[in-house]
Amino acid sequence: MAHAQEGIKQAEVERILGRLPFFSSLSGDELLSLKAALRKKSFPRNAMILCEEDSNRYMYIVISGKVKVVRTGSDGRERIYAIHKRGDFFGEMAMLDGKTSPAAVVALEDTTVGLIAKEDFDRYLMSNSKVVERIIEMLCGRLRESWLMLKVLSSSDAEQRVRTVLGHLADMHGVSDARGTIIAMKLTHKEIAGYANLARETVSRLLTSLRKGEEIEILDSHQIVLKPDFRRDDPAAV
């Protein structure tokens, strides 16, 4: 049974790697070698996966679970920069410039990640021009996400910050159904506050207001549904 479970896990890893855009440009032998070099590690909810001093040693691929990229401000408040789900990756920026990241990565739920060491990243990915092109496309996507965070921080309106964060999470992790768009992850008020850079009490009040206005629904699973009226007046959604 243990061997069968391990086989299933390995097959799932191969499926995830096969869906990453820049892996598709590798030759069959290169891909096999990179898969063999991949290390898997599992972390419980709230465990530290990556701290600043280790951030230039590995690229990470989320095999299962979800993680948050965070930084603690001088006021002691945790700020969330991004949330990554199964099939996402992080740490590639430090692989490119060799510098450490000023943020840490924490498991939002029980999570398994695959680690690619810098020497393997350089050997199999950076030596392939097609892969480099894919990495540039990926960096453009990261830049767009950074622009979103600038939009959040530039707004002095707390409600607009929360709306922007919820809209972004729906774009990244949303699943459509008859009710609207379900943000397919469990989110605490504290985690949303960390993303919007607001106090938890402020976020709780605003979520209650949005729920009473029937713009959102909060499910028993703590997932949030954005109803059609949520983005009706959002110019970014046009």
C-alpha atoms as a PDB file:
ATOM      1  CA  MET A   1       0.000   0.000   0.000  1.00  0.00           C
ATOM      2  CA  ALA A   2       2.795   2.440   0.884  1.00  0.00           C
ATOM      3  CA  HIS A   3       4.476   1.832  -2.485  1.00  0.00           C
ATOM      4  CA  ALA A   4       1.148   2.420  -4.292  1.00  0.00           C
ATOM      5  CA  GLN A   5       0.574   5.697  -2.425  1.00  0.00           C
ATOM      6  CA  GLU A   6       4.106   6.821  -3.216  1.00  0.00           C
ATOM      7  CA  GLY A   7       3.505   5.998  -6.892  1.00  0.00           C
ATOM      8  CA  ILE A   8       0.342   8.085  -6.912  1.00  0.00           C
ATOM      9  CA  LYS A   9       2.198  10.980  -5.313  1.00  0.00           C
ATOM     10  CA  GLN A  10       5.006  10.755  -7.867  1.00  0.00           C
ATOM     11  CA  ALA A  11       2.503  10.650 -10.723  1.00  0.00           C
ATOM     12  CA  GLU A  12       0.836  13.770  -9.326  1.00  0.00           C
ATOM     13  CA  VAL A  13       4.214  15.534  -9.132  1.00  0.00           C
ATOM     14  CA  GLU A  14       4.854  14.675 -12.766  1.00  0.00           C
ATOM     15  CA  ARG A  15       1.441  16.032 -13.799  1.00  0.00           C
ATOM     16  CA  ILE A  16       2.110  19.316 -11.982  1.00  0.00           C
ATOM     17  CA  LEU A  17       5.567  19.690 -13.508  1.00  0.00           C
ATOM     18  CA  GLY A  18       4.162  18.934 -16.941  1.00  0.00           C
ATOM     19  CA  ARG A  19       1.689  21.808 -16.611  1.00  0.00           C
ATOM     20  CA  LEU A  20       4.337  24.412 -15.720  1.00  0.00           C
ATOM     21  CA  PRO A  21       4.933  26.460 -18.892  1.00  0.00           C
ATOM     22  CA  PHE A  22       8.711  26.553 -18.826  1.00  0.00           C
ATOM     23  CA  PHE A  23       9.098  22.811 -18.165  1.00  0.00           C
ATOM     24  CA  SER A  24       7.399  22.026 -21.478  1.00  0.00           C
ATOM     25  CA  SER A  25      10.449  23.410 -23.315  1.00  0.00           C
ATOM     26  CA  LEU A  26      12.821  20.852 -21.767  1.00  0.00           C
ATOM     27  CA  SER A  27      13.876  17.733 -23.614  1.00  0.00           C
ATOM     28  CA  GLY A  28      12.654  14.378 -22.325  1.00  0.00           C
ATOM     29  CA  ASP A  29      16.029  13.557 -20.772  1.00  0.00           C
ATOM     30  CA  GLU A  30      16.304  16.998 -19.144  1.00  0.00           C
ATOM     31  CA  LEU A  31      12.844  16.690 -17.678  1.00  0.00           C
ATOM     32  CA  LEU A  32      13.584  13.239 -16.289  1.00  0.00           C
ATOM     33  CA  SER A  33      16.813  14.492 -14.719  1.00  0.00           C
ATOM     34  CA  LEU A  34      15.078  17.491 -13.171  1.00  0.00           C
ATOM     35  CA  LYS A  35      12.293  15.307 -11.769  1.00  0.00           C
ATOM     36  CA  ALA A  36      14.936  13.056 -10.213  1.00  0.00           C
ATOM     37  CA  ALA A  37      16.622  16.083  -8.626  1.00  0.00           C
ATOM     38  CA  LEU A  38      13.347  17.430  -7.182  1.00  0.00           C
ATOM     39  CA  ARG A  39      13.077  17.081  -3.395  1.00  0.00           C
ATOM     40  CA  LYS A  40       9.675  16.873  -1.660  1.00  0.00           C
ATOM     41  CA  LYS A  41       8.973  18.275   1.792  1.00  0.00           C
ATOM     42  CA  SER A  42       5.703  18.442   3.735  1.00  0.00           C
ATOM     43  CA  PHE A  43       4.686  21.138   6.217  1.00  0.00           C
ATOM     44  CA  PRO A  44       1.726  21.439   8.619  1.00  0.00           C
ATOM     45  CA  ARG A  45      -0.571  24.468   8.639  1.00  0.00           C
ATOM     46  CA  ASN A  46       1.147  27.662   9.886  1.00  0.00           C
ATOM     47  CA  ALA A  47       4.638  26.150   9.524  1.00  0.00           C
ATOM     48  CA  MET A  48       7.425  28.306   8.132  1.00  0.00           C
ATOM     49  CA  ILE A  49       8.388  26.960   4.697  1.00  0.00           C
ATOM     50  CA  LEU A  50      10.871  29.596   3.654  1.00  0.00           C
ATOM     51  CA  CYS A  51      12.602  32.354   5.608  1.00  0.00           C
ATOM     52  CA  GLU A  52      14.602  35.242   4.193  1.00  0.00           C
ATOM     53  CA  GLU A  53      18.081  33.802   4.728  1.00  0.00           C
ATOM     54  CA  ASP A  54      17.228  30.638   2.765  1.00  0.00           C
ATOM     55  CA  SER A  55      15.288  32.282  -0.042  1.00  0.00           C
ATOM     56  CA  ASN A  56      18.098  32.173  -2.627  1.00  0.00           C
ATOM     57  CA  ARG A  57      18.814  28.458  -2.297  1.00  0.00           C
ATOM     58  CA  TYR A  58      15.749  26.844  -3.869  1.00  0.00           C
ATOM     59  CA  MET A  59      12.829  27.335  -6.189  1.00  0.00           C
ATOM     60  CA  TYR A  60       9.626  25.886  -4.705  1.00  0.00           C
ATOM     61  CA  ILE A  61       6.633  24.241  -6.435  1.00  0.00           C
ATOM     62  CA  VAL A  62       3.393  23.733  -4.509  1.00  0.00           C
ATOM     63  CA  ILE A  63       2.401  20.074  -4.954  1.00  0.00           C
ATOM     64  CA  SER A  64      -0.540  20.200  -2.542  1.00  0.00           C
ATOM     65  CA  GLY A  65      -1.998  22.767  -0.148  1.00  0.00           C
ATOM     66  CA  LYS A  66      -1.618  26.558  -0.149  1.00  0.00           C
ATOM     67  CA  VAL A  67       1.015  29.009   1.118  1.00  0.00           C
ATOM     68  CA  LYS A  68       1.174  32.717   1.829  1.00  0.00           C
ATOM     69  CA  VAL A  69       4.074  35.082   1.214  1.00  0.00           C
ATOM     70  CA  VAL A  70       4.303  37.381   4.230  1.00  0.00           C
ATOM     71  CA  ARG A  71       6.351  40.067   5.897  1.00  0.00           C
ATOM     72  CA  THR A  72       5.980  41.394   9.425  1.00  0.00           C
ATOM     73  CA  GLY A  73       6.004  45.185   9.695  1.00  0.00           C
ATOM     74  CA  SER A  74       7.593  47.304  12.387  1.00  0.00           C
ATOM     75  CA  ASP A  75       4.208  47.447  14.106  1.00  0.00           C
ATOM     76  CA  GLY A  76       4.187  43.658  14.409  1.00  0.00           C
ATOM     77  CA  ARG A  77       1.344  43.258  11.898  1.00  0.00           C
ATOM     78  CA  GLU A  78       1.676  40.531   9.281  1.00  0.00           C
ATOM     79  CA  ARG A  79       1.372  41.706   5.696  1.00  0.00           C
ATOM     80  CA  ILE A  80       0.435  39.184   2.996  1.00  0.00           C
ATOM     81  CA  TYR A  81       1.980  39.768  -0.426  1.00  0.00           C
ATOM     82  CA  ALA A  82       0.672  36.714  -2.284  1.00  0.00           C
ATOM     83  CA  ILE A  83      -1.068  33.367  -1.895  1.00  0.00           C
ATOM     84  CA  HIS A  84       0.086  30.372  -3.928  1.00  0.00           C
ATOM     85  CA  LYS A  85      -1.955  27.209  -4.528  1.00  0.00           C
ATOM     86  CA  ARG A  86      -1.291  23.729  -5.943  1.00  0.00           C
ATOM     87  CA  GLY A  87       0.699  24.003  -9.180  1.00  0.00           C
ATOM     88  CA  ASP A  88       2.075  27.478  -8.387  1.00  0.00           C
ATOM     89  CA  PHE A  89       5.740  28.188  -7.734  1.00  0.00           C
ATOM     90  CA  PHE A  90       7.842  30.766  -5.915  1.00  0.00           C
ATOM     91  CA  GLY A  91      11.486  31.565  -5.181  1.00  0.00           C
ATOM     92  CA  GLU A  92      12.427  31.911  -8.834  1.00  0.00           C
ATOM     93  CA  MET A  93      13.353  35.606  -8.463  1.00  0.00           C
ATOM     94  CA  ALA A  94      16.118  34.798  -5.990  1.00  0.00           C
ATOM     95  CA  MET A  95      17.346  32.070  -8.350  1.00  0.00           C
ATOM     96  CA  LEU A  96      17.798  34.704 -11.047  1.00  0.00           C
ATOM     97  CA  ASP A  97      19.621  37.444  -9.152  1.00  0.00           C
ATOM     98  CA  GLY A  98      21.082  35.496  -6.207  1.00  0.00           C
ATOM     99  CA  LYS A  99      19.604  37.902  -3.676  1.00  0.00           C
ATOM    100  CA  THR A 100      17.468  36.953  -0.715  1.00  0.00           C
ATOM    101  CA  SER A 101      13.806  37.922  -0.504  1.00  0.00           C
ATOM    102  CA  PRO A 102      12.617  40.265   2.272  1.00  0.00           C
ATOM    103  CA  ALA A 103       9.533  38.060   2.790  1.00  0.00           C
ATOM    104  CA  ALA A 104       8.835  34.639   4.282  1.00  0.00           C
ATOM    105  CA  VAL A 105       6.534  31.830   3.116  1.00  0.00           C
ATOM    106  CA  VAL A 106       4.123  30.120   5.524  1.00  0.00           C
ATOM    107  CA  ALA A 107       1.765  27.157   4.987  1.00  0.00           C
ATOM    108  CA  LEU A 108      -1.898  28.224   4.945  1.00  0.00           C
ATOM    109  CA  GLU A 109      -2.868  24.561   5.289  1.00  0.00           C
ATOM    110  CA  ASP A 110      -1.070  21.222   5.308  1.00  0.00           C
ATOM    111  CA  THR A 111       1.219  21.615   2.306  1.00  0.00           C
ATOM    112  CA  THR A 112       3.744  19.621   0.275  1.00  0.00           C
ATOM    113  CA  VAL A 113       6.280  21.447  -1.872  1.00  0.00           C
ATOM    114  CA  GLY A 114       8.908  20.350  -4.361  1.00  0.00           C
ATOM    115  CA  LEU A 115      12.331  21.992  -4.124  1.00  0.00           C
ATOM    116  CA  ILE A 116      14.648  22.670  -7.052  1.00  0.00           C
ATOM    117  CA  ALA A 117      18.174  23.614  -5.943  1.00  0.00           C
ATOM    118  CA  LYS A 118      19.870  26.605  -7.572  1.00  0.00           C
ATOM    119  CA  GLU A 119      22.487  24.471  -9.334  1.00  0.00           C
ATOM    120  CA  ASP A 120      19.732  22.375 -10.940  1.00  0.00           C
ATOM    121  CA  PHE A 121      17.759  25.516 -11.810  1.00  0.00           C
ATOM    122  CA  ASP A 122      20.817  26.929 -13.605  1.00  0.00           C
ATOM    123  CA  ARG A 123      21.708  23.634 -15.297  1.00  0.00           C
ATOM    124  CA  TYR A 124      18.315  22.653 -16.651  1.00  0.00           C
ATOM    125  CA  LEU A 125      16.389  25.902 -16.971  1.00  0.00           C
ATOM    126  CA  MET A 126      18.671  28.890 -17.473  1.00  0.00           C
ATOM    127  CA  SER A 127      20.737  27.144 -20.159  1.00  0.00           C
ATOM    128  CA  ASN A 128      17.661  26.737 -22.402  1.00  0.00           C
ATOM    129  CA  SER A 129      16.681  29.854 -24.380  1.00  0.00           C
ATOM    130  CA  LYS A 130      13.052  28.742 -24.747  1.00  0.00           C
ATOM    131  CA  VAL A 131      12.797  28.251 -21.012  1.00  0.00           C
ATOM    132  CA  VAL A 132      14.267  31.723 -20.439  1.00  0.00           C
ATOM    133  CA  GLU A 133      11.543  33.191 -22.679  1.00  0.00           C
ATOM    134  CA  ARG A 134       8.900  31.461 -20.566  1.00  0.00           C
ATOM    135  CA  ILE A 135      10.506  32.746 -17.384  1.00  0.00           C
ATOM    136  CA  ILE A 136      10.363  36.312 -18.750  1.00  0.00           C
ATOM    137  CA  GLU A 137       6.623  35.853 -19.405  1.00  0.00           C
ATOM    138  CA  MET A 138       6.225  34.614 -15.840  1.00  0.00           C
ATOM    139  CA  LEU A 139       8.094  37.636 -14.485  1.00  0.00           C
ATOM    140  CA  CYS A 140       5.656  39.893 -16.334  1.00  0.00           C
ATOM    141  CA  GLY A 141       2.832  38.148 -14.496  1.00  0.00           C
ATOM    142  CA  ARG A 142       4.589  38.698 -11.177  1.00  0.00           C
ATOM    143  CA  LEU A 143       4.960  42.377 -12.096  1.00  0.00           C
ATOM    144  CA  ARG A 144       1.219  42.674 -12.728  1.00  0.00           C
ATOM    145  CA  GLU A 145       0.566  41.194  -9.288  1.00  0.00           C
ATOM    146  CA  SER A 146       2.931  43.777  -7.789  1.00  0.00           C
ATOM    147  CA  TRP A 147       0.962  46.523  -9.535  1.00  0.00           C
ATOM    148  CA  LEU A 148      -2.166  45.195  -7.868  1.00  0.00           C
ATOM    149  CA  MET A 149      -0.541  45.455  -4.449  1.00  0.00           C
ATOM    150  CA  LEU A 150       0.477  49.034  -5.251  1.00  0.00           C
ATOM    151  CA  LYS A 151      -3.171  49.709  -6.117  1.00  0.00           C
ATOM    152  CA  VAL A 152      -4.210  48.285  -2.752  1.00  0.00           C
ATOM    153  CA  LEU A 153      -1.701  50.361  -0.823  1.00  0.00           C
ATOM    154  CA  SER A 154      -2.349  53.563  -2.782  1.00  0.00           C
ATOM    155  CA  SER A 155      -6.028  53.598  -1.830  1.00  0.00           C
ATOM    156  CA  SER A 156      -6.930  55.367   1.405  1.00  0.00           C
ATOM    157  CA  ASP A 157     -10.396  53.813   1.258  1.00  0.00           C
ATOM    158  CA  ALA A 158     -10.502  50.682   3.422  1.00  0.00           C
ATOM    159  CA  GLU A 159     -13.513  49.236   1.624  1.00  0.00           C
ATOM    160  CA  GLN A 160     -11.845  49.648  -1.769  1.00  0.00           C
ATOM    161  CA  ARG A 161      -8.779  47.820  -0.435  1.00  0.00           C
ATOM    162  CA  VAL A 162     -10.910  44.877   0.678  1.00  0.00           C
ATOM    163  CA  ARG A 163     -12.807  44.843  -2.622  1.00  0.00           C
ATOM    164  CA  THR A 164      -9.559  44.853  -4.597  1.00  0.00           C
ATOM    165  CA  VAL A 165      -8.120  41.985  -2.557  1.00  0.00           C
ATOM    166  CA  LEU A 166     -11.282  39.882  -2.841  1.00  0.00           C
ATOM    167  CA  GLY A 167     -11.481  40.551  -6.583  1.00  0.00           C
ATOM    168  CA  HIS A 168      -7.858  39.542  -7.047  1.00  0.00           C
ATOM    169  CA  LEU A 169      -8.286  36.355  -5.023  1.00  0.00           C
ATOM    170  CA  ALA A 170     -11.349  35.510  -7.095  1.00  0.00           C
ATOM    171  CA  ASP A 171      -9.350  36.015 -10.305  1.00  0.00           C
ATOM    172  CA  MET A 172      -6.537  33.792  -9.010  1.00  0.00           C
ATOM    173  CA  HIS A 173      -8.472  31.117  -7.127  1.00  0.00           C
ATOM    174  CA  GLY A 174     -12.115  31.566  -8.135  1.00  0.00           C
ATOM    175  CA  VAL A 175     -14.548  28.842  -9.159  1.00  0.00           C
ATOM    176  CA  SER A 176     -17.799  29.906 -10.857  1.00  0.00           C
ATOM    177  CA  ASP A 177     -21.142  28.458  -9.901  1.00  0.00           C
ATOM    178  CA  ALA A 178     -24.801  29.558  -9.906  1.00  0.00           C
ATOM    179  CA  ARG A 179     -24.273  31.836  -6.907  1.00  0.00           C
ATOM    180  CA  GLY A 180     -21.312  33.751  -8.309  1.00  0.00           C
ATOM    181  CA  THR A 181     -17.557  33.190  -7.915  1.00  0.00           C
ATOM    182  CA  ILE A 182     -16.330  31.106  -4.982  1.00  0.00           C
ATOM    183  CA  ILE A 183     -12.852  31.955  -3.698  1.00  0.00           C
ATOM    184  CA  ALA A 184     -11.682  28.357  -3.390  1.00  0.00           C
ATOM    185  CA  MET A 185      -9.728  28.637  -0.154  1.00  0.00           C
ATOM    186  CA  LYS A 186     -10.487  29.086   3.522  1.00  0.00           C
ATOM    187  CA  LEU A 187      -9.651  32.657   4.512  1.00  0.00           C
ATOM    188  CA  THR A 188      -9.709  34.105   8.003  1.00  0.00           C
ATOM    189  CA  HIS A 189     -10.482  37.770   8.585  1.00  0.00           C
ATOM    190  CA  LYS A 190      -6.908  38.137   9.833  1.00  0.00           C
ATOM    191  CA  GLU A 191      -5.487  36.787   6.546  1.00  0.00           C
ATOM    192  CA  ILE A 192      -7.642  39.122   4.461  1.00  0.00           C
ATOM    193  CA  ALA A 193      -6.529  41.978   6.717  1.00  0.00           C
ATOM    194  CA  GLY A 194      -2.916  41.017   6.104  1.00  0.00           C
ATOM    195  CA  TYR A 195      -3.474  41.150   2.348  1.00  0.00           C
ATOM    196  CA  ALA A 196      -5.277  44.517   2.505  1.00  0.00           C
ATOM    197  CA  ASN A 197      -2.894  45.954   5.130  1.00  0.00           C
ATOM    198  CA  LEU A 198      -5.790  46.778   7.459  1.00  0.00           C
ATOM    199  CA  ALA A 199      -6.755  45.958  11.020  1.00  0.00           C
ATOM    200  CA  ARG A 200      -8.684  42.703  11.425  1.00  0.00           C
ATOM    201  CA  GLU A 201     -11.567  44.546  13.097  1.00  0.00           C
ATOM    202  CA  THR A 202     -11.909  46.833  10.068  1.00  0.00           C
ATOM    203  CA  VAL A 203     -12.017  43.865   7.685  1.00  0.00           C
ATOM    204  CA  SER A 204     -14.609  42.064   9.834  1.00  0.00           C
ATOM    205  CA  ARG A 205     -16.838  45.155   9.788  1.00  0.00           C
ATOM    206  CA  LEU A 206     -16.516  45.580   6.017  1.00  0.00           C
ATOM    207  CA  LEU A 207     -17.185  41.903   5.284  1.00  0.00           C
ATOM    208  CA  THR A 208     -20.314  42.098   7.436  1.00  0.00           C
ATOM    209  CA  SER A 209     -21.440  45.161   5.460  1.00  0.00           C
ATOM    210  CA  LEU A 210     -20.799  43.433   2.111  1.00  0.00           C
ATOM    211  CA  ARG A 211     -22.672  40.356   3.303  1.00  0.00           C
ATOM    212  CA  LYS A 212     -25.660  42.400   4.483  1.00  0.00           C
ATOM    213  CA  GLY A 213     -25.652  44.195   1.130  1.00  0.00           C
ATOM    214  CA  GLU A 214     -25.833  40.759  -0.520  1.00  0.00           C
ATOM    215  CA  GLU A 215     -22.630  41.351  -2.483  1.00  0.00           C
ATOM    216  CA  ILE A 216     -20.870  38.405  -0.874  1.00  0.00           C
ATOM    217  CA  GLU A 217     -21.825  35.201   0.898  1.00  0.00           C
ATOM    218  CA  ILE A 218     -19.682  33.491   3.520  1.00  0.00           C
ATOM    219  CA  LEU A 219     -20.077  29.717   3.469  1.00  0.00           C
ATOM    220  CA  ASP A 220     -19.850  27.361   6.431  1.00  0.00           C
ATOM    221  CA  SER A 221     -16.471  26.267   5.056  1.00  0.00           C
ATOM    222  CA  HIS A 222     -15.266  29.892   5.484  1.00  0.00           C
ATOM    223  CA  GLN A 223     -15.003  30.265   1.728  1.00  0.00           C
ATOM    224  CA  ILE A 224     -16.321  33.536   0.287  1.00  0.00           C
ATOM    225  CA  VAL A 225     -18.692  33.801  -2.669  1.00  0.00           C
ATOM    226  CA  LEU A 226     -18.581  36.999  -4.706  1.00  0.00           C
ATOM    227  CA  LYS A 227     -22.072  37.535  -6.065  1.00  0.00           C
ATOM    228  CA  PRO A 228     -22.685  39.170  -9.477  1.00  0.00           C
ATOM    229  CA  ASP A 229     -23.401  42.588  -7.897  1.00  0.00           C
ATOM    230  CA  PHE A 230     -19.982  42.623  -6.218  1.00  0.00           C
ATOM    231  CA  ARG A 231     -18.206  43.879  -9.343  1.00  0.00           C
ATOM    232  CA  ARG A 232     -21.058  45.742 -10.925  1.00  0.00           C
ATOM    233  CA  ASP A 233     -19.469  49.159 -10.312  1.00  0.00           C
ATOM    234  CA  ASP A 234     -15.833  48.052 -10.528  1.00  0.00           C
ATOM    235  CA  PRO A 235     -14.218  49.762 -13.563  1.00  0.00           C
ATOM    236  CA  ALA A 236     -11.448  47.133 -13.531  1.00  0.00           C
ATOM    237  CA  ALA A 237     -14.004  44.443 -14.223  1.00  0.00           C
ATOM    238  CA  VAL A 238     -15.336  46.064 -17.418  1.00  0.00           C
END
